[in-house]
Amino acid sequence: MELQIQIDPHTLKRAEERGATESEIKEILRTGENIPAKKNRLGRTKVYSFNRERNGKFYEQKRVEVYYVEDAGKIITVTVYVFYGKWEGKPCK
């Protein structure tokens, strides 16, 4: 059984400001790689092709990290970070 995903409105707003979309967040939660997290949270990440400019600089890839908690059969997002650079298709650890 797949857990229901609840994206906190503040998380989504910050994610969009940082360059991530709601569909990417959901995809990462379903298929991303697990990463370490603090404060009893869980984390997942995925690297995407980007191949465009952001803030005046060209980047080949973006890495999106989603941090969340599981509560009462739901995944509830806490925050999303987006990094720009090149990771050869693999998450940076």
C-alpha atoms as a PDB file:
ATOM      1  CA  MET A   1       0.000   0.000   0.000  1.00  0.00           C
ATOM      2  CA  GLU A   2       1.343   3.398  -1.010  1.00  0.00           C
ATOM      3  CA  LEU A   3       1.237   6.180   1.574  1.00  0.00           C
ATOM      4  CA  GLN A   4      -0.809   9.286   0.807  1.00  0.00           C
ATOM      5  CA  ILE A   5       1.371  12.337   0.082  1.00  0.00           C
ATOM      6  CA  GLN A   6       0.474  15.617   1.766  1.00  0.00           C
ATOM      7  CA  ILE A   7       2.537  18.557   0.521  1.00  0.00           C
ATOM      8  CA  ASP A   8       2.489  21.359   3.051  1.00  0.00           C
ATOM      9  CA  PRO A   9       1.523  24.668   1.314  1.00  0.00           C
ATOM     10  CA  HIS A  10       4.563  26.469   2.769  1.00  0.00           C
ATOM     11  CA  THR A  11       6.828  23.646   1.551  1.00  0.00           C
ATOM     12  CA  LEU A  12       5.378  23.906  -1.962  1.00  0.00           C
ATOM     13  CA  LYS A  13       5.796  27.686  -2.047  1.00  0.00           C
ATOM     14  CA  ARG A  14       9.442  27.459  -0.975  1.00  0.00           C
ATOM     15  CA  ALA A  15      10.085  24.571  -3.399  1.00  0.00           C
ATOM     16  CA  GLU A  16       8.737  26.590  -6.333  1.00  0.00           C
ATOM     17  CA  GLU A  17      10.884  29.589  -5.318  1.00  0.00           C
ATOM     18  CA  ARG A  18      13.898  27.267  -5.309  1.00  0.00           C
ATOM     19  CA  GLY A  19      13.058  25.696  -8.683  1.00  0.00           C
ATOM     20  CA  ALA A  20      11.182  22.459  -7.893  1.00  0.00           C
ATOM     21  CA  THR A  21       7.647  21.506  -8.916  1.00  0.00           C
ATOM     22  CA  GLU A  22       4.866  19.644  -7.136  1.00  0.00           C
ATOM     23  CA  SER A  23       5.137  16.759  -9.604  1.00  0.00           C
ATOM     24  CA  GLU A  24       8.895  16.474  -8.950  1.00  0.00           C
ATOM     25  CA  ILE A  25       8.268  16.364  -5.191  1.00  0.00           C
ATOM     26  CA  LYS A  26       5.776  13.521  -5.616  1.00  0.00           C
ATOM     27  CA  GLU A  27       8.086  11.647  -8.005  1.00  0.00           C
ATOM     28  CA  ILE A  28      11.007  11.954  -5.577  1.00  0.00           C
ATOM     29  CA  LEU A  29       8.915  10.681  -2.691  1.00  0.00           C
ATOM     30  CA  ARG A  30       7.893   7.648  -4.774  1.00  0.00           C
ATOM     31  CA  THR A  31      11.131   6.831  -6.637  1.00  0.00           C
ATOM     32  CA  GLY A  32      14.010   8.911  -5.229  1.00  0.00           C
ATOM     33  CA  GLU A  33      17.043   7.659  -3.324  1.00  0.00           C
ATOM     34  CA  ASN A  34      17.025   7.719   0.463  1.00  0.00           C
ATOM     35  CA  ILE A  35      19.357  10.261   2.071  1.00  0.00           C
ATOM     36  CA  PRO A  36      20.237  10.975   5.701  1.00  0.00           C
ATOM     37  CA  ALA A  37      18.031  13.427   7.582  1.00  0.00           C
ATOM     38  CA  LYS A  38      18.001  14.983  11.054  1.00  0.00           C
ATOM     39  CA  LYS A  39      15.358  15.468  13.761  1.00  0.00           C
ATOM     40  CA  ASN A  40      13.491  12.180  13.160  1.00  0.00           C
ATOM     41  CA  ARG A  41      12.790  13.131   9.558  1.00  0.00           C
ATOM     42  CA  LEU A  42      13.300  11.144   6.384  1.00  0.00           C
ATOM     43  CA  GLY A  43      14.858  12.346   3.146  1.00  0.00           C
ATOM     44  CA  ARG A  44      14.840  11.411  -0.520  1.00  0.00           C
ATOM     45  CA  THR A  45      16.627  12.926  -3.502  1.00  0.00           C
ATOM     46  CA  LYS A  46      16.778  12.782  -7.278  1.00  0.00           C
ATOM     47  CA  VAL A  47      18.922  14.459  -9.946  1.00  0.00           C
ATOM     48  CA  TYR A  48      17.239  15.981 -13.005  1.00  0.00           C
ATOM     49  CA  SER A  49      18.606  17.332 -16.279  1.00  0.00           C
ATOM     50  CA  PHE A  50      18.340  21.106 -16.232  1.00  0.00           C
ATOM     51  CA  ASN A  51      20.474  22.484 -19.114  1.00  0.00           C
ATOM     52  CA  ARG A  52      19.544  26.138 -18.734  1.00  0.00           C
ATOM     53  CA  GLU A  53      20.361  29.279 -16.822  1.00  0.00           C
ATOM     54  CA  ARG A  54      19.294  30.135 -13.305  1.00  0.00           C
ATOM     55  CA  ASN A  55      20.220  33.482 -11.803  1.00  0.00           C
ATOM     56  CA  GLY A  56      22.518  34.227 -14.728  1.00  0.00           C
ATOM     57  CA  LYS A  57      24.527  30.996 -14.615  1.00  0.00           C
ATOM     58  CA  PHE A  58      24.168  27.849 -16.757  1.00  0.00           C
ATOM     59  CA  TYR A  59      23.661  24.512 -14.991  1.00  0.00           C
ATOM     60  CA  GLU A  60      23.519  21.011 -16.477  1.00  0.00           C
ATOM     61  CA  GLN A  61      21.567  19.424 -13.632  1.00  0.00           C
ATOM     62  CA  LYS A  62      19.544  20.144 -10.549  1.00  0.00           C
ATOM     63  CA  ARG A  63      19.361  17.974  -7.460  1.00  0.00           C
ATOM     64  CA  VAL A  64      16.152  18.119  -5.457  1.00  0.00           C
ATOM     65  CA  GLU A  65      16.044  16.926  -1.829  1.00  0.00           C
ATOM     66  CA  VAL A  66      12.709  16.394  -0.077  1.00  0.00           C
ATOM     67  CA  TYR A  67      12.531  16.056   3.709  1.00  0.00           C
ATOM     68  CA  TYR A  68       9.392  14.647   5.298  1.00  0.00           C
ATOM     69  CA  VAL A  69       7.784  12.761   8.170  1.00  0.00           C
ATOM     70  CA  GLU A  70       5.420   9.819   8.116  1.00  0.00           C
ATOM     71  CA  ASP A  71       2.358  10.166  10.322  1.00  0.00           C
ATOM     72  CA  ALA A  72      -0.916   8.222  10.424  1.00  0.00           C
ATOM     73  CA  GLY A  73      -0.368   6.601   7.018  1.00  0.00           C
ATOM     74  CA  LYS A  74       0.657   9.857   5.324  1.00  0.00           C
ATOM     75  CA  ILE A  75       3.858  11.379   4.050  1.00  0.00           C
ATOM     76  CA  ILE A  76       3.926  15.020   5.136  1.00  0.00           C
ATOM     77  CA  THR A  77       6.571  17.261   3.573  1.00  0.00           C
ATOM     78  CA  VAL A  78       8.709  19.443   5.808  1.00  0.00           C
ATOM     79  CA  THR A  79      11.015  21.194   3.335  1.00  0.00           C
ATOM     80  CA  VAL A  80      12.549  20.956  -0.131  1.00  0.00           C
ATOM     81  CA  TYR A  81      16.044  22.031  -1.172  1.00  0.00           C
ATOM     82  CA  VAL A  82      17.267  22.461  -4.738  1.00  0.00           C
ATOM     83  CA  PHE A  83      20.941  22.477  -5.729  1.00  0.00           C
ATOM     84  CA  TYR A  84      22.322  23.269  -9.166  1.00  0.00           C
ATOM     85  CA  GLY A  85      25.460  21.793 -10.720  1.00  0.00           C
ATOM     86  CA  LYS A  86      26.527  18.434 -12.168  1.00  0.00           C
ATOM     87  CA  TRP A  87      26.295  15.052 -10.454  1.00  0.00           C
ATOM     88  CA  GLU A  88      26.798  12.623 -13.352  1.00  0.00           C
ATOM     89  CA  GLY A  89      23.171  11.540 -12.852  1.00  0.00           C
ATOM     90  CA  LYS A  90      23.835  10.352  -9.300  1.00  0.00           C
ATOM     91  CA  PRO A  91      22.977  12.102  -6.052  1.00  0.00           C
ATOM     92  CA  CYS A  92      25.865  13.816  -4.334  1.00  0.00           C
ATOM     93  CA  LYS A  93      26.511  12.365  -0.859  1.00  0.00           C
END
